[in-house]
């Protein structure tokens, strides 16, 4: 697996997202998926205090026994885990089975381990300490590489006591870098006006977002940039395909690129999107919930073998950012 370096942090270009661990995916299947990712060379594992009803970190900690020093571990604080009633504890395993037979409405019960119903933005000094100590215990480690404010707001960046405490946990060696997990506008504010304490950012990679287009130029402090959800749902995938289809018939596009786009299958679509994000947007790593081996293999191939040149990717990026939005939104 290709590696990316940002200062003292070296990580695989692909990261394993733990949002489904103990939510829609059980413990045994989660451990198998983590093992498959590790064998493929993936060393970045991204979790959160709230994932898996507060227990996803423990599964990751179990997996990383004997591997911790070779891994990059990212976790988050600020969203408290949803408490499970006895009924829900019994219902979630049944719901996982029901998901496979597509029972209507069942995804809501197990999505992100219930994180969707949690209270957001619990950014206090006391909450930080409590959450971090719990994370370290669950992960069976004495430090994490990355700690993100989960769904951060611009107000949280201005909390001087919180920023000072984040600086303290870094100086104590409990965290290597701290940062924001947030929307693009909050990330942009953190880049422009955030304290030097902030050394990493994680955000959803919307290829059509003009704010994201300037991140590589704004990243003057050498922040570690981690992207997630580059496709972002069916509407956005359709918009990517429509943009590429239009380019394949556009005679101002170089003929070699037109040929690639004209015959593009899903694998080539992955290569194009990954290339734009990692090469043109200068994102250091992309995080996915790769629970299925076939999805994992396709993602790894798209990173290892990319058939698009640098000039191809630059033009793709330009056309995506300037593509017209569909009437229903994207």
C-alpha atoms as a PDB file:
ATOM      1  CA  UNK A   1       0.000   0.000   0.000  1.00  0.00           C
ATOM      2  CA  UNK A   2       1.311   3.436  -0.948  1.00  0.00           C
ATOM      3  CA  UNK A   3       2.192   5.664   1.973  1.00  0.00           C
ATOM      4  CA  UNK A   4       1.705   9.361   2.663  1.00  0.00           C
ATOM      5  CA  UNK A   5       3.914  11.460   4.940  1.00  0.00           C
ATOM      6  CA  UNK A   6       2.970  14.646   6.757  1.00  0.00           C
ATOM      7  CA  UNK A   7       5.641  15.721   9.195  1.00  0.00           C
ATOM      8  CA  UNK A   8       6.098  13.007  11.791  1.00  0.00           C
ATOM      9  CA  UNK A   9       3.005  11.083  10.632  1.00  0.00           C
ATOM     10  CA  UNK A  10       3.305   8.387   7.980  1.00  0.00           C
ATOM     11  CA  UNK A  11       0.123   6.611   6.976  1.00  0.00           C
ATOM     12  CA  UNK A  12      -1.341   4.462   4.254  1.00  0.00           C
ATOM     13  CA  UNK A  13      -3.269   6.402   1.612  1.00  0.00           C
ATOM     14  CA  UNK A  14      -6.376   4.410   2.506  1.00  0.00           C
ATOM     15  CA  UNK A  15      -7.773   4.322   6.013  1.00  0.00           C
ATOM     16  CA  UNK A  16     -10.199   1.849   7.583  1.00  0.00           C
ATOM     17  CA  UNK A  17     -13.274   3.601   8.989  1.00  0.00           C
ATOM     18  CA  UNK A  18     -14.872   2.040  12.059  1.00  0.00           C
ATOM     19  CA  UNK A  19     -18.252   3.773  11.840  1.00  0.00           C
ATOM     20  CA  UNK A  20     -20.013   0.453  11.164  1.00  0.00           C
ATOM     21  CA  UNK A  21     -18.241  -1.544  13.885  1.00  0.00           C
ATOM     22  CA  UNK A  22     -20.825  -2.934  16.344  1.00  0.00           C
ATOM     23  CA  UNK A  23     -23.457  -0.980  14.439  1.00  0.00           C
ATOM     24  CA  UNK A  24     -24.466  -2.663  11.190  1.00  0.00           C
ATOM     25  CA  UNK A  25     -21.480  -5.067  11.497  1.00  0.00           C
ATOM     26  CA  UNK A  26     -20.860  -7.371  14.439  1.00  0.00           C
ATOM     27  CA  UNK A  27     -17.649  -7.996  16.355  1.00  0.00           C
ATOM     28  CA  UNK A  28     -16.421 -11.096  14.506  1.00  0.00           C
ATOM     29  CA  UNK A  29     -17.089  -9.633  11.056  1.00  0.00           C
ATOM     30  CA  UNK A  30     -15.454  -6.342  12.099  1.00  0.00           C
ATOM     31  CA  UNK A  31     -12.299  -8.120  13.246  1.00  0.00           C
ATOM     32  CA  UNK A  32     -12.151 -10.067   9.968  1.00  0.00           C
ATOM     33  CA  UNK A  33     -12.513  -6.857   7.947  1.00  0.00           C
ATOM     34  CA  UNK A  34      -9.783  -5.151   9.970  1.00  0.00           C
ATOM     35  CA  UNK A  35      -7.485  -8.110   9.391  1.00  0.00           C
ATOM     36  CA  UNK A  36      -8.147  -8.034   5.641  1.00  0.00           C
ATOM     37  CA  UNK A  37      -7.384  -4.310   5.575  1.00  0.00           C
ATOM     38  CA  UNK A  38      -4.167  -4.814   7.545  1.00  0.00           C
ATOM     39  CA  UNK A  39      -3.018  -7.575   5.218  1.00  0.00           C
ATOM     40  CA  UNK A  40      -3.610  -5.195   2.288  1.00  0.00           C
ATOM     41  CA  UNK A  41      -1.223  -2.687   3.852  1.00  0.00           C
ATOM     42  CA  UNK A  42      -3.751  -0.338   5.463  1.00  0.00           C
ATOM     43  CA  UNK A  43      -2.316   1.131   8.653  1.00  0.00           C
ATOM     44  CA  UNK A  44      -4.719   4.033   9.355  1.00  0.00           C
ATOM     45  CA  UNK A  45      -7.722   3.108  11.513  1.00  0.00           C
ATOM     46  CA  UNK A  46     -10.314   5.805  12.219  1.00  0.00           C
ATOM     47  CA  UNK A  47     -12.824   5.440  15.048  1.00  0.00           C
ATOM     48  CA  UNK A  48     -14.721   7.586  17.574  1.00  0.00           C
ATOM     49  CA  UNK A  49     -15.861   7.469  21.172  1.00  0.00           C
ATOM     50  CA  UNK A  50     -19.479   7.315  19.980  1.00  0.00           C
ATOM     51  CA  UNK A  51     -19.148   4.513  17.410  1.00  0.00           C
ATOM     52  CA  UNK A  52     -20.662   1.134  18.169  1.00  0.00           C
ATOM     53  CA  UNK A  53     -22.628   2.489  21.156  1.00  0.00           C
ATOM     54  CA  UNK A  54     -19.263   3.375  22.716  1.00  0.00           C
ATOM     55  CA  UNK A  55     -17.652  -0.024  22.112  1.00  0.00           C
ATOM     56  CA  UNK A  56     -16.071   0.206  18.641  1.00  0.00           C
ATOM     57  CA  UNK A  57     -12.790   1.423  20.113  1.00  0.00           C
ATOM     58  CA  UNK A  58     -12.558  -1.733  22.226  1.00  0.00           C
ATOM     59  CA  UNK A  59     -12.867  -3.917  19.126  1.00  0.00           C
ATOM     60  CA  UNK A  60     -10.139  -1.928  17.405  1.00  0.00           C
ATOM     61  CA  UNK A  61      -7.966  -2.147  20.515  1.00  0.00           C
ATOM     62  CA  UNK A  62      -8.396  -5.912  20.508  1.00  0.00           C
ATOM     63  CA  UNK A  63      -7.381  -6.105  16.868  1.00  0.00           C
ATOM     64  CA  UNK A  64      -4.307  -3.906  17.303  1.00  0.00           C
ATOM     65  CA  UNK A  65      -2.690  -6.033  20.004  1.00  0.00           C
ATOM     66  CA  UNK A  66       0.874  -6.588  18.837  1.00  0.00           C
ATOM     67  CA  UNK A  67       0.394  -4.130  15.957  1.00  0.00           C
ATOM     68  CA  UNK A  68      -0.049  -0.809  17.737  1.00  0.00           C
ATOM     69  CA  UNK A  69       3.342   0.680  16.891  1.00  0.00           C
ATOM     70  CA  UNK A  70       2.825   0.020  13.180  1.00  0.00           C
ATOM     71  CA  UNK A  71      -0.652   1.603  13.118  1.00  0.00           C
ATOM     72  CA  UNK A  72      -1.969   5.153  12.965  1.00  0.00           C
ATOM     73  CA  UNK A  73      -4.989   5.419  15.250  1.00  0.00           C
ATOM     74  CA  UNK A  74      -7.453   8.287  14.965  1.00  0.00           C
ATOM     75  CA  UNK A  75     -10.374   8.780  17.322  1.00  0.00           C
ATOM     76  CA  UNK A  76     -12.815  11.575  18.135  1.00  0.00           C
ATOM     77  CA  UNK A  77     -14.528  13.172  21.081  1.00  0.00           C
ATOM     78  CA  UNK A  78     -17.468  15.489  21.519  1.00  0.00           C
ATOM     79  CA  UNK A  79     -20.342  13.098  20.822  1.00  0.00           C
ATOM     80  CA  UNK A  80     -21.376  10.927  23.720  1.00  0.00           C
ATOM     81  CA  UNK A  81     -22.236   7.296  22.903  1.00  0.00           C
ATOM     82  CA  UNK A  82     -25.914   6.524  22.835  1.00  0.00           C
ATOM     83  CA  UNK A  83     -26.972   4.413  25.764  1.00  0.00           C
ATOM     84  CA  UNK A  84     -28.532   1.125  24.797  1.00  0.00           C
ATOM     85  CA  UNK A  85     -31.632  -0.101  26.496  1.00  0.00           C
ATOM     86  CA  UNK A  86     -31.787  -3.860  27.181  1.00  0.00           C
ATOM     87  CA  UNK A  87     -34.259  -4.130  24.298  1.00  0.00           C
ATOM     88  CA  UNK A  88     -31.915  -2.381  21.849  1.00  0.00           C
ATOM     89  CA  UNK A  89     -28.958  -4.540  22.910  1.00  0.00           C
ATOM     90  CA  UNK A  90     -30.997  -7.588  21.952  1.00  0.00           C
ATOM     91  CA  UNK A  91     -32.479  -5.978  18.844  1.00  0.00           C
ATOM     92  CA  UNK A  92     -29.257  -4.811  17.131  1.00  0.00           C
ATOM     93  CA  UNK A  93     -27.904  -8.311  16.235  1.00  0.00           C
ATOM     94  CA  UNK A  94     -31.311  -9.201  14.797  1.00  0.00           C
ATOM     95  CA  UNK A  95     -31.361  -5.903  12.903  1.00  0.00           C
ATOM     96  CA  UNK A  96     -27.990  -6.704  11.301  1.00  0.00           C
ATOM     97  CA  UNK A  97     -29.492  -9.871   9.852  1.00  0.00           C
ATOM     98  CA  UNK A  98     -32.583  -7.982   8.737  1.00  0.00           C
ATOM     99  CA  UNK A  99     -30.422  -5.463   6.874  1.00  0.00           C
ATOM    100  CA  UNK A 100     -29.228  -8.224   4.570  1.00  0.00           C
ATOM    101  CA  UNK A 101     -32.795  -8.960   3.557  1.00  0.00           C
ATOM    102  CA  UNK A 102     -33.542  -5.217   3.292  1.00  0.00           C
ATOM    103  CA  UNK A 103     -36.246  -4.835   5.928  1.00  0.00           C
ATOM    104  CA  UNK A 104     -37.564  -1.226   5.561  1.00  0.00           C
ATOM    105  CA  UNK A 105     -36.341   1.251   8.187  1.00  0.00           C
ATOM    106  CA  UNK A 106     -33.947  -1.175   9.858  1.00  0.00           C
ATOM    107  CA  UNK A 107     -30.788   0.755   8.953  1.00  0.00           C
ATOM    108  CA  UNK A 108     -31.824   3.529  11.299  1.00  0.00           C
ATOM    109  CA  UNK A 109     -31.400   1.249  14.305  1.00  0.00           C
ATOM    110  CA  UNK A 110     -27.848   0.172  13.545  1.00  0.00           C
ATOM    111  CA  UNK A 111     -26.415   3.082  11.573  1.00  0.00           C
ATOM    112  CA  UNK A 112     -23.079   4.073  13.145  1.00  0.00           C
ATOM    113  CA  UNK A 113     -23.971   2.146  16.247  1.00  0.00           C
ATOM    114  CA  UNK A 114     -26.730   4.582  17.056  1.00  0.00           C
ATOM    115  CA  UNK A 115     -24.534   7.651  16.712  1.00  0.00           C
ATOM    116  CA  UNK A 116     -27.175   9.437  14.690  1.00  0.00           C
ATOM    117  CA  UNK A 117     -29.242  10.068  17.821  1.00  0.00           C
ATOM    118  CA  UNK A 118     -26.375  11.266  20.008  1.00  0.00           C
ATOM    119  CA  UNK A 119     -25.964  14.783  21.349  1.00  0.00           C
ATOM    120  CA  UNK A 120     -23.461  16.788  19.282  1.00  0.00           C
ATOM    121  CA  UNK A 121     -20.815  19.290  20.232  1.00  0.00           C
ATOM    122  CA  UNK A 122     -20.031  18.330  23.843  1.00  0.00           C
ATOM    123  CA  UNK A 123     -16.720  20.214  23.849  1.00  0.00           C
ATOM    124  CA  UNK A 124     -15.637  20.866  27.422  1.00  0.00           C
ATOM    125  CA  UNK A 125     -12.276  20.463  29.132  1.00  0.00           C
ATOM    126  CA  UNK A 126     -13.757  17.878  31.502  1.00  0.00           C
ATOM    127  CA  UNK A 127     -15.422  16.051  28.621  1.00  0.00           C
ATOM    128  CA  UNK A 128     -12.164  15.984  26.684  1.00  0.00           C
ATOM    129  CA  UNK A 129     -10.227  14.426  29.544  1.00  0.00           C
ATOM    130  CA  UNK A 130     -12.908  11.866  30.343  1.00  0.00           C
ATOM    131  CA  UNK A 131     -13.381  10.905  26.698  1.00  0.00           C
ATOM    132  CA  UNK A 132      -9.658  10.635  25.965  1.00  0.00           C
ATOM    133  CA  UNK A 133      -8.921   8.511  29.021  1.00  0.00           C
ATOM    134  CA  UNK A 134     -11.792   6.192  28.118  1.00  0.00           C
ATOM    135  CA  UNK A 135     -10.554   5.970  24.528  1.00  0.00           C
ATOM    136  CA  UNK A 136      -7.026   5.096  25.647  1.00  0.00           C
ATOM    137  CA  UNK A 137      -8.363   2.373  27.913  1.00  0.00           C
ATOM    138  CA  UNK A 138     -10.640   0.933  25.226  1.00  0.00           C
ATOM    139  CA  UNK A 139      -7.912   1.076  22.590  1.00  0.00           C
ATOM    140  CA  UNK A 140      -5.381  -0.555  24.957  1.00  0.00           C
ATOM    141  CA  UNK A 141      -2.790   2.114  24.305  1.00  0.00           C
ATOM    142  CA  UNK A 142      -1.168   5.019  26.102  1.00  0.00           C
ATOM    143  CA  UNK A 143      -1.491   7.427  23.166  1.00  0.00           C
ATOM    144  CA  UNK A 144      -3.490   8.043  20.002  1.00  0.00           C
ATOM    145  CA  UNK A 145      -1.981   9.494  16.871  1.00  0.00           C
ATOM    146  CA  UNK A 146      -4.920  11.754  16.014  1.00  0.00           C
ATOM    147  CA  UNK A 147      -7.734  13.175  18.135  1.00  0.00           C
ATOM    148  CA  UNK A 148     -10.523  15.086  16.381  1.00  0.00           C
ATOM    149  CA  UNK A 149     -13.292  17.301  17.734  1.00  0.00           C
ATOM    150  CA  UNK A 150     -16.281  15.347  16.433  1.00  0.00           C
ATOM    151  CA  UNK A 151     -18.612  17.552  14.350  1.00  0.00           C
ATOM    152  CA  UNK A 152     -16.762  20.689  15.403  1.00  0.00           C
ATOM    153  CA  UNK A 153     -18.220  24.167  14.960  1.00  0.00           C
ATOM    154  CA  UNK A 154     -16.535  27.532  14.493  1.00  0.00           C
ATOM    155  CA  UNK A 155     -17.462  28.327  18.105  1.00  0.00           C
ATOM    156  CA  UNK A 156     -15.454  25.363  19.376  1.00  0.00           C
ATOM    157  CA  UNK A 157     -12.328  26.703  17.651  1.00  0.00           C
ATOM    158  CA  UNK A 158     -12.678  29.872  19.746  1.00  0.00           C
ATOM    159  CA  UNK A 159     -12.918  28.010  23.081  1.00  0.00           C
ATOM    160  CA  UNK A 160      -9.567  29.070  24.487  1.00  0.00           C
ATOM    161  CA  UNK A 161      -9.698  26.714  27.473  1.00  0.00           C
ATOM    162  CA  UNK A 162     -10.459  23.766  25.186  1.00  0.00           C
ATOM    163  CA  UNK A 163      -7.664  24.657  22.749  1.00  0.00           C
ATOM    164  CA  UNK A 164      -5.257  25.000  25.683  1.00  0.00           C
ATOM    165  CA  UNK A 165      -6.279  21.577  26.991  1.00  0.00           C
ATOM    166  CA  UNK A 166      -5.799  20.035  23.554  1.00  0.00           C
ATOM    167  CA  UNK A 167      -2.325  21.527  23.540  1.00  0.00           C
ATOM    168  CA  UNK A 168      -1.722  19.983  26.967  1.00  0.00           C
ATOM    169  CA  UNK A 169      -2.661  16.431  25.934  1.00  0.00           C
ATOM    170  CA  UNK A 170      -0.237  16.718  23.017  1.00  0.00           C
ATOM    171  CA  UNK A 171       2.564  17.934  25.294  1.00  0.00           C
ATOM    172  CA  UNK A 172       1.808  15.060  27.690  1.00  0.00           C
ATOM    173  CA  UNK A 173       2.315  12.575  24.854  1.00  0.00           C
ATOM    174  CA  UNK A 174      -1.231  11.237  24.985  1.00  0.00           C
ATOM    175  CA  UNK A 175      -1.983  12.537  21.485  1.00  0.00           C
ATOM    176  CA  UNK A 176       0.375  13.221  18.589  1.00  0.00           C
ATOM    177  CA  UNK A 177      -1.894  15.648  16.730  1.00  0.00           C
ATOM    178  CA  UNK A 178      -5.291  17.167  17.455  1.00  0.00           C
ATOM    179  CA  UNK A 179      -7.709  18.619  14.948  1.00  0.00           C
ATOM    180  CA  UNK A 180     -11.223  19.080  13.619  1.00  0.00           C
ATOM    181  CA  UNK A 181     -13.723  16.660  12.107  1.00  0.00           C
ATOM    182  CA  UNK A 182     -16.158  19.065  10.507  1.00  0.00           C
ATOM    183  CA  UNK A 183     -17.819  20.555   7.440  1.00  0.00           C
ATOM    184  CA  UNK A 184     -15.708  22.327   4.839  1.00  0.00           C
ATOM    185  CA  UNK A 185     -16.573  25.841   6.060  1.00  0.00           C
ATOM    186  CA  UNK A 186     -15.466  25.011   9.607  1.00  0.00           C
ATOM    187  CA  UNK A 187     -12.285  23.381   8.303  1.00  0.00           C
ATOM    188  CA  UNK A 188     -11.563  26.504   6.231  1.00  0.00           C
ATOM    189  CA  UNK A 189     -12.007  28.670   9.334  1.00  0.00           C
ATOM    190  CA  UNK A 190      -9.699  26.367  11.298  1.00  0.00           C
ATOM    191  CA  UNK A 191      -7.058  26.595   8.592  1.00  0.00           C
ATOM    192  CA  UNK A 192      -7.276  30.387   8.395  1.00  0.00           C
ATOM    193  CA  UNK A 193      -7.767  31.408  12.006  1.00  0.00           C
ATOM    194  CA  UNK A 194      -7.392  28.311  14.195  1.00  0.00           C
ATOM    195  CA  UNK A 195      -4.598  28.066  16.777  1.00  0.00           C
ATOM    196  CA  UNK A 196      -1.342  26.262  15.993  1.00  0.00           C
ATOM    197  CA  UNK A 197      -2.621  23.538  18.338  1.00  0.00           C
ATOM    198  CA  UNK A 198      -4.697  22.218  15.432  1.00  0.00           C
ATOM    199  CA  UNK A 199      -2.519  19.916  13.332  1.00  0.00           C
ATOM    200  CA  UNK A 200      -5.024  17.725  11.488  1.00  0.00           C
ATOM    201  CA  UNK A 201      -8.365  18.025   9.708  1.00  0.00           C
ATOM    202  CA  UNK A 202     -10.915  15.425   8.603  1.00  0.00           C
ATOM    203  CA  UNK A 203     -13.819  16.273   6.326  1.00  0.00           C
ATOM    204  CA  UNK A 204     -16.252  14.909   3.769  1.00  0.00           C
ATOM    205  CA  UNK A 205     -14.783  15.212   0.284  1.00  0.00           C
ATOM    206  CA  UNK A 206     -17.483  16.756  -1.865  1.00  0.00           C
ATOM    207  CA  UNK A 207     -15.806  17.044  -5.264  1.00  0.00           C
ATOM    208  CA  UNK A 208     -18.202  19.854  -6.232  1.00  0.00           C
ATOM    209  CA  UNK A 209     -17.530  22.029  -3.172  1.00  0.00           C
ATOM    210  CA  UNK A 210     -15.620  25.185  -4.216  1.00  0.00           C
ATOM    211  CA  UNK A 211     -14.434  25.662  -0.620  1.00  0.00           C
ATOM    212  CA  UNK A 212     -12.512  22.390  -0.772  1.00  0.00           C
ATOM    213  CA  UNK A 213     -10.910  23.447  -4.038  1.00  0.00           C
ATOM    214  CA  UNK A 214      -8.642  25.858  -2.162  1.00  0.00           C
ATOM    215  CA  UNK A 215      -7.580  23.587   0.696  1.00  0.00           C
ATOM    216  CA  UNK A 216      -4.239  22.598  -0.836  1.00  0.00           C
ATOM    217  CA  UNK A 217      -3.250  26.275  -1.243  1.00  0.00           C
ATOM    218  CA  UNK A 218      -4.505  27.184   2.245  1.00  0.00           C
ATOM    219  CA  UNK A 219      -2.609  24.397   3.967  1.00  0.00           C
ATOM    220  CA  UNK A 220       0.472  26.478   4.673  1.00  0.00           C
ATOM    221  CA  UNK A 221       1.009  25.005   8.160  1.00  0.00           C
ATOM    222  CA  UNK A 222       1.386  21.428   6.969  1.00  0.00           C
ATOM    223  CA  UNK A 223      -1.862  20.126   8.455  1.00  0.00           C
ATOM    224  CA  UNK A 224      -2.604  16.440   8.008  1.00  0.00           C
ATOM    225  CA  UNK A 225      -5.698  16.282   5.769  1.00  0.00           C
ATOM    226  CA  UNK A 226      -7.934  13.204   5.853  1.00  0.00           C
ATOM    227  CA  UNK A 227     -10.947  12.893   3.586  1.00  0.00           C
ATOM    228  CA  UNK A 228     -14.010  10.674   3.788  1.00  0.00           C
ATOM    229  CA  UNK A 229     -17.189   9.961   1.786  1.00  0.00           C
ATOM    230  CA  UNK A 230     -15.892  11.163  -1.624  1.00  0.00           C
ATOM    231  CA  UNK A 231     -19.031   9.848  -3.353  1.00  0.00           C
ATOM    232  CA  UNK A 232     -21.562  11.074  -0.809  1.00  0.00           C
ATOM    233  CA  UNK A 233     -24.663   9.277  -2.004  1.00  0.00           C
ATOM    234  CA  UNK A 234     -26.445   8.385  -5.217  1.00  0.00           C
ATOM    235  CA  UNK A 235     -27.080  11.959  -6.375  1.00  0.00           C
ATOM    236  CA  UNK A 236     -23.431  12.912  -6.162  1.00  0.00           C
ATOM    237  CA  UNK A 237     -22.325   9.710  -7.908  1.00  0.00           C
ATOM    238  CA  UNK A 238     -24.780  10.490 -10.712  1.00  0.00           C
ATOM    239  CA  UNK A 239     -23.346  13.994 -10.983  1.00  0.00           C
ATOM    240  CA  UNK A 240     -19.784  12.637 -11.242  1.00  0.00           C
ATOM    241  CA  UNK A 241     -20.875  10.233 -13.983  1.00  0.00           C
ATOM    242  CA  UNK A 242     -22.722  12.986 -15.843  1.00  0.00           C
ATOM    243  CA  UNK A 243     -19.672  15.250 -15.696  1.00  0.00           C
ATOM    244  CA  UNK A 244     -17.390  12.524 -17.011  1.00  0.00           C
ATOM    245  CA  UNK A 245     -19.886  11.606 -19.755  1.00  0.00           C
ATOM    246  CA  UNK A 246     -20.032  15.209 -20.924  1.00  0.00           C
ATOM    247  CA  UNK A 247     -16.232  15.357 -20.982  1.00  0.00           C
ATOM    248  CA  UNK A 248     -16.048  12.164 -23.063  1.00  0.00           C
ATOM    249  CA  UNK A 249     -17.960  13.944 -25.847  1.00  0.00           C
ATOM    250  CA  UNK A 250     -16.200  17.301 -25.505  1.00  0.00           C
ATOM    251  CA  UNK A 251     -13.656  17.848 -28.275  1.00  0.00           C
ATOM    252  CA  UNK A 252     -11.766  20.395 -26.151  1.00  0.00           C
ATOM    253  CA  UNK A 253     -10.796  17.485 -23.868  1.00  0.00           C
ATOM    254  CA  UNK A 254      -7.624  15.617 -24.963  1.00  0.00           C
ATOM    255  CA  UNK A 255      -8.567  12.492 -26.984  1.00  0.00           C
ATOM    256  CA  UNK A 256      -6.706  10.107 -24.655  1.00  0.00           C
ATOM    257  CA  UNK A 257      -8.753  11.331 -21.691  1.00  0.00           C
ATOM    258  CA  UNK A 258     -11.975  11.210 -23.714  1.00  0.00           C
ATOM    259  CA  UNK A 259     -11.276   7.546 -24.506  1.00  0.00           C
ATOM    260  CA  UNK A 260     -10.718   6.709 -20.841  1.00  0.00           C
ATOM    261  CA  UNK A 261     -13.948   8.387 -19.796  1.00  0.00           C
ATOM    262  CA  UNK A 262     -15.961   6.933 -22.658  1.00  0.00           C
ATOM    263  CA  UNK A 263     -15.111   3.393 -21.568  1.00  0.00           C
ATOM    264  CA  UNK A 264     -15.022   4.033 -17.823  1.00  0.00           C
ATOM    265  CA  UNK A 265     -16.343   1.262 -15.577  1.00  0.00           C
ATOM    266  CA  UNK A 266     -16.720   1.515 -11.795  1.00  0.00           C
ATOM    267  CA  UNK A 267     -13.035   0.706 -11.231  1.00  0.00           C
ATOM    268  CA  UNK A 268     -11.918   3.528 -13.493  1.00  0.00           C
ATOM    269  CA  UNK A 269     -14.410   5.846 -11.782  1.00  0.00           C
ATOM    270  CA  UNK A 270     -12.739   4.993  -8.479  1.00  0.00           C
ATOM    271  CA  UNK A 271      -9.332   5.748  -9.960  1.00  0.00           C
ATOM    272  CA  UNK A 272     -10.492   9.123 -11.238  1.00  0.00           C
ATOM    273  CA  UNK A 273     -12.098  10.181  -7.957  1.00  0.00           C
ATOM    274  CA  UNK A 274      -9.267   8.895  -5.765  1.00  0.00           C
ATOM    275  CA  UNK A 275      -6.706  10.530  -8.035  1.00  0.00           C
ATOM    276  CA  UNK A 276      -8.456  13.897  -7.918  1.00  0.00           C
ATOM    277  CA  UNK A 277      -8.705  13.795  -4.118  1.00  0.00           C
ATOM    278  CA  UNK A 278      -5.221  12.491  -3.326  1.00  0.00           C
ATOM    279  CA  UNK A 279      -3.253  14.136  -6.129  1.00  0.00           C
ATOM    280  CA  UNK A 280      -5.018  17.379  -6.984  1.00  0.00           C
ATOM    281  CA  UNK A 281      -6.611  18.211  -3.623  1.00  0.00           C
ATOM    282  CA  UNK A 282      -3.487  17.125  -1.713  1.00  0.00           C
ATOM    283  CA  UNK A 283      -5.445  15.035   0.802  1.00  0.00           C
ATOM    284  CA  UNK A 284      -3.071  12.714   2.650  1.00  0.00           C
ATOM    285  CA  UNK A 285      -5.484   9.802   3.161  1.00  0.00           C
ATOM    286  CA  UNK A 286      -9.034   8.670   2.398  1.00  0.00           C
ATOM    287  CA  UNK A 287     -11.073   6.824   5.030  1.00  0.00           C
ATOM    288  CA  UNK A 288     -13.703   4.238   4.087  1.00  0.00           C
ATOM    289  CA  UNK A 289     -15.834   1.705   5.916  1.00  0.00           C
ATOM    290  CA  UNK A 290     -14.466  -1.283   3.987  1.00  0.00           C
ATOM    291  CA  UNK A 291     -16.298  -4.235   5.496  1.00  0.00           C
ATOM    292  CA  UNK A 292     -16.608  -6.188   2.251  1.00  0.00           C
ATOM    293  CA  UNK A 293     -13.418  -7.723   0.810  1.00  0.00           C
ATOM    294  CA  UNK A 294     -14.436  -6.907  -2.770  1.00  0.00           C
ATOM    295  CA  UNK A 295     -14.891  -3.233  -1.898  1.00  0.00           C
ATOM    296  CA  UNK A 296     -11.539  -3.217  -0.128  1.00  0.00           C
ATOM    297  CA  UNK A 297      -9.766  -4.812  -3.082  1.00  0.00           C
ATOM    298  CA  UNK A 298     -11.316  -2.349  -5.546  1.00  0.00           C
ATOM    299  CA  UNK A 299     -10.260   0.616  -3.405  1.00  0.00           C
ATOM    300  CA  UNK A 300      -6.721  -0.705  -3.002  1.00  0.00           C
ATOM    301  CA  UNK A 301      -6.396  -1.236  -6.757  1.00  0.00           C
ATOM    302  CA  UNK A 302      -7.602   2.308  -7.426  1.00  0.00           C
ATOM    303  CA  UNK A 303      -4.841   3.674  -5.196  1.00  0.00           C
ATOM    304  CA  UNK A 304      -2.078   1.366  -6.387  1.00  0.00           C
ATOM    305  CA  UNK A 305      -2.802   1.515 -10.146  1.00  0.00           C
ATOM    306  CA  UNK A 306      -4.219   4.760 -11.485  1.00  0.00           C
ATOM    307  CA  UNK A 307      -4.586   5.110 -15.246  1.00  0.00           C
ATOM    308  CA  UNK A 308      -5.073   8.883 -15.154  1.00  0.00           C
ATOM    309  CA  UNK A 309      -2.131  11.254 -15.612  1.00  0.00           C
ATOM    310  CA  UNK A 310      -1.502  14.380 -13.569  1.00  0.00           C
ATOM    311  CA  UNK A 311      -2.835  16.575 -16.385  1.00  0.00           C
ATOM    312  CA  UNK A 312      -5.914  14.302 -16.651  1.00  0.00           C
ATOM    313  CA  UNK A 313      -6.623  14.733 -12.959  1.00  0.00           C
ATOM    314  CA  UNK A 314      -6.141  18.495 -13.079  1.00  0.00           C
ATOM    315  CA  UNK A 315      -8.741  18.799 -15.844  1.00  0.00           C
ATOM    316  CA  UNK A 316     -11.138  16.415 -14.084  1.00  0.00           C
ATOM    317  CA  UNK A 317     -10.867  18.486 -10.926  1.00  0.00           C
ATOM    318  CA  UNK A 318     -11.542  21.715 -12.818  1.00  0.00           C
ATOM    319  CA  UNK A 319     -14.598  20.316 -14.587  1.00  0.00           C
ATOM    320  CA  UNK A 320     -16.036  18.763 -11.415  1.00  0.00           C
ATOM    321  CA  UNK A 321     -15.815  21.988  -9.441  1.00  0.00           C
ATOM    322  CA  UNK A 322     -17.433  23.957 -12.256  1.00  0.00           C
ATOM    323  CA  UNK A 323     -20.047  21.382 -13.240  1.00  0.00           C
ATOM    324  CA  UNK A 324     -23.680  22.554 -13.094  1.00  0.00           C
ATOM    325  CA  UNK A 325     -25.644  21.292 -10.121  1.00  0.00           C
ATOM    326  CA  UNK A 326     -28.789  19.274 -10.925  1.00  0.00           C
ATOM    327  CA  UNK A 327     -32.098  20.873 -10.101  1.00  0.00           C
ATOM    328  CA  UNK A 328     -32.656  18.464  -7.201  1.00  0.00           C
ATOM    329  CA  UNK A 329     -29.294  19.342  -5.611  1.00  0.00           C
ATOM    330  CA  UNK A 330     -26.195  17.215  -5.129  1.00  0.00           C
END
